[in-house]
Amino acid sequence: MKSRIALLLLAAALAGVAGYAIAHRFLCQPPQSDLDRLRDVSHLAHALDLRPDQIKAMKALQGRLCETLAESCARHCACRKELAAALVAEPFDAVRAQELRESLCRCYAESEKLAMEHIRNLREILDAPQRARFDRMITEALAGPCGACTNCGAECGTEGH
């Protein structure tokens, strides 16, 4: 009887360790950066049923975009640090803070422009049915709640989405 209980306890312990290991492996992976997610075209390849030549072209476009966005992001982050310092500086220099805010806005506008150009470039490598699916994906992504507004929908005009 004691050996049977010992075997059951051992089996339970092994099941617990195995469960923990599996959960840790699949649920606790380190988060990918936005650029790493962008480089991974597998979701679009599957959703749009891309051909191998299209996957290759898309990976090239994504790679170029990531390089450019990384540079833009570095400028944006540097500007944010400068702005943080300017906002708490004594004496406060309102003109410098305004310059940094405008620079920050230019960095953001640059990344948005790059994203729009990228979407147009991606559309060019798709055939008509793929382009229609891609267009629906883009429309749904941009017409839905933006996530930036505290009462998203009301300020953005997307209520009900």
Protein backbone atom coordinates (compact mmCIF):
# COMPACT_ATOMS: atom_id res chain seq x y z
CA MET A 1 0.00 0.00 0.00
CA LYS A 2 2.82 2.40 0.91
CA SER A 3 4.60 1.78 -2.41
CA ARG A 4 1.38 2.46 -4.31
CA ILE A 5 0.95 5.81 -2.51
CA ALA A 6 4.61 6.63 -3.15
CA LEU A 7 4.17 5.88 -6.87
CA LEU A 8 1.05 8.04 -7.03
CA LEU A 9 2.86 10.90 -5.29
CA LEU A 10 5.83 10.52 -7.63
CA ALA A 11 3.52 10.51 -10.69
CA ALA A 12 1.71 13.60 -9.37
CA ALA A 13 5.02 15.37 -8.76
CA LEU A 14 6.26 14.52 -12.26
CA ALA A 15 2.97 15.69 -13.78
CA GLY A 16 3.27 18.95 -11.86
CA VAL A 17 6.85 19.51 -12.98
CA ALA A 18 5.96 18.67 -16.59
CA GLY A 19 2.94 20.99 -16.47
CA TYR A 20 5.02 23.81 -15.06
CA ALA A 21 7.74 23.30 -17.69
CA ILE A 22 5.23 23.28 -20.53
CA ALA A 23 3.38 26.32 -19.24
CA HIS A 24 6.62 28.20 -18.68
CA ARG A 25 7.89 27.33 -22.16
CA PHE A 26 4.76 28.42 -24.01
CA LEU A 27 3.19 31.06 -21.79
CA CYS A 28 6.17 32.82 -20.28
CA GLN A 29 8.23 33.55 -23.35
CA PRO A 30 9.91 36.93 -23.38
CA PRO A 31 7.83 39.48 -25.28
CA GLN A 32 8.88 40.32 -28.80
CA SER A 33 9.64 43.89 -29.68
CA ASP A 34 7.36 45.66 -32.15
CA LEU A 35 10.10 45.46 -34.77
CA ASP A 36 10.57 41.72 -34.19
CA ARG A 37 6.84 41.21 -34.68
CA LEU A 38 6.98 43.32 -37.83
CA ARG A 39 9.81 41.23 -39.27
CA ASP A 40 7.70 38.09 -38.83
CA VAL A 41 5.54 37.87 -41.96
CA SER A 42 4.05 34.48 -41.10
CA HIS A 43 0.70 35.93 -40.04
CA LEU A 44 0.29 37.88 -43.28
CA ALA A 45 1.64 34.98 -45.32
CA HIS A 46 -1.07 32.76 -43.86
CA ALA A 47 -3.89 35.33 -43.87
CA LEU A 48 -3.24 36.35 -47.47
CA ASP A 49 -2.16 32.93 -48.77
CA LEU A 50 1.08 34.37 -50.12
CA ARG A 51 3.23 32.61 -52.69
CA PRO A 52 6.93 32.03 -51.88
CA ASP A 53 8.02 34.91 -54.15
CA GLN A 54 5.57 37.23 -52.39
CA ILE A 55 6.83 36.14 -48.97
CA LYS A 56 10.38 36.89 -50.05
CA ALA A 57 9.37 40.34 -51.36
CA MET A 58 7.38 41.06 -48.21
CA LYS A 59 10.28 40.06 -45.95
CA ALA A 60 12.54 42.42 -47.89
CA LEU A 61 10.05 45.28 -47.55
CA GLN A 62 9.54 44.55 -43.85
CA GLY A 63 13.31 44.42 -43.29
CA ARG A 64 13.84 47.82 -44.93
CA LEU A 65 10.97 49.29 -42.95
CA CYS A 66 12.35 47.93 -39.68
CA GLU A 67 15.75 49.48 -40.32
CA THR A 68 14.20 52.86 -41.08
CA LEU A 69 11.80 52.65 -38.14
CA ALA A 70 14.65 51.74 -35.80
CA GLU A 71 16.46 54.94 -36.81
CA SER A 72 13.27 56.96 -36.43
CA CYS A 73 12.59 55.36 -33.05
CA ALA A 74 16.09 56.22 -31.83
CA ARG A 75 15.52 59.87 -32.74
CA HIS A 76 12.09 59.79 -31.08
CA CYS A 77 13.45 58.29 -27.84
CA ALA A 78 16.34 60.75 -27.70
CA CYS A 79 13.90 63.60 -28.16
CA ARG A 80 11.67 62.28 -25.36
CA LYS A 81 14.65 62.16 -23.00
CA GLU A 82 15.58 65.73 -23.88
CA LEU A 83 11.98 66.82 -23.41
CA ALA A 84 11.81 65.14 -20.01
CA ALA A 85 14.92 67.03 -18.92
CA ALA A 86 13.58 70.30 -20.33
CA LEU A 87 10.23 69.93 -18.54
CA VAL A 88 11.84 69.64 -15.11
CA ALA A 89 14.72 72.07 -15.67
CA GLU A 90 15.04 75.13 -13.50
CA PRO A 91 14.63 77.68 -14.86
CA PHE A 92 12.06 76.29 -17.30
CA ASP A 93 12.76 77.19 -20.94
CA ALA A 94 9.37 77.24 -22.65
CA VAL A 95 10.90 77.91 -26.06
CA ARG A 96 13.19 74.86 -25.79
CA ALA A 97 10.30 72.68 -24.57
CA GLN A 98 8.22 73.85 -27.55
CA GLU A 99 11.07 73.05 -29.97
CA LEU A 100 11.42 69.57 -28.49
CA ARG A 101 7.67 68.97 -28.65
CA GLU A 102 7.67 69.94 -32.32
CA SER A 103 10.65 67.68 -32.94
CA LEU A 104 8.83 64.84 -31.19
CA CYS A 105 5.80 65.44 -33.40
CA ARG A 106 7.99 65.36 -36.52
CA CYS A 107 9.46 62.01 -35.42
CA TYR A 108 5.98 60.61 -34.92
CA ALA A 109 4.76 61.99 -38.26
CA GLU A 110 7.79 60.46 -39.97
CA SER A 111 7.02 56.99 -38.59
CA GLU A 112 3.36 57.31 -39.63
CA LYS A 113 4.41 58.36 -43.14
CA LEU A 114 6.75 55.37 -43.35
CA ALA A 115 3.93 53.07 -42.26
CA MET A 116 1.55 54.46 -44.90
CA GLU A 117 4.15 54.14 -47.64
CA HIS A 118 4.86 50.60 -46.49
CA ILE A 119 1.19 49.63 -46.70
CA ARG A 120 1.06 50.97 -50.26
CA ASN A 121 4.25 49.05 -51.15
CA LEU A 122 2.84 45.82 -49.70
CA ARG A 123 -0.33 46.22 -51.76
CA GLU A 124 1.78 46.30 -54.93
CA ILE A 125 3.07 42.75 -54.43
CA LEU A 126 -0.41 41.29 -53.90
CA ASP A 127 -2.80 39.97 -56.52
CA ALA A 128 -6.39 41.29 -56.62
CA PRO A 129 -7.99 38.79 -54.15
CA GLN A 130 -5.06 39.13 -51.72
CA ARG A 131 -5.21 42.91 -51.99
CA ALA A 132 -8.93 42.86 -51.17
CA ARG A 133 -8.26 40.77 -48.01
CA PHE A 134 -5.34 43.02 -47.06
CA ASP A 135 -7.45 46.13 -47.60
CA ARG A 136 -10.12 44.73 -45.26
CA MET A 137 -7.45 44.01 -42.64
CA ILE A 138 -6.06 47.54 -42.88
CA THR A 139 -9.53 49.11 -42.82
CA GLU A 140 -10.56 47.11 -39.75
CA ALA A 141 -7.31 47.97 -37.98
CA LEU A 142 -7.55 51.70 -38.67
CA ALA A 143 -11.34 52.14 -38.41
CA GLY A 144 -11.57 50.44 -35.00
CA PRO A 145 -10.82 52.02 -31.64
CA CYS A 146 -7.39 53.63 -31.64
CA GLY A 147 -6.41 52.75 -28.09
CA ALA A 148 -4.89 56.19 -27.50
CA CYS A 149 -8.06 57.93 -26.35
CA THR A 150 -9.28 57.38 -22.81
CA ASN A 151 -12.88 57.10 -24.00
CA CYS A 152 -11.92 55.64 -27.33
CA GLY A 153 -14.59 55.98 -29.89
CA ALA A 154 -16.07 59.24 -28.67
CA GLU A 155 -13.05 61.38 -29.55
CA CYS A 156 -12.14 59.36 -32.64
CA GLY A 157 -15.60 58.99 -34.09
CA THR A 158 -15.39 55.18 -33.90
CA GLU A 159 -18.09 54.46 -31.35
CA GLY A 160 -19.80 51.14 -31.89
CA HIS A 161 -16.73 49.44 -33.36
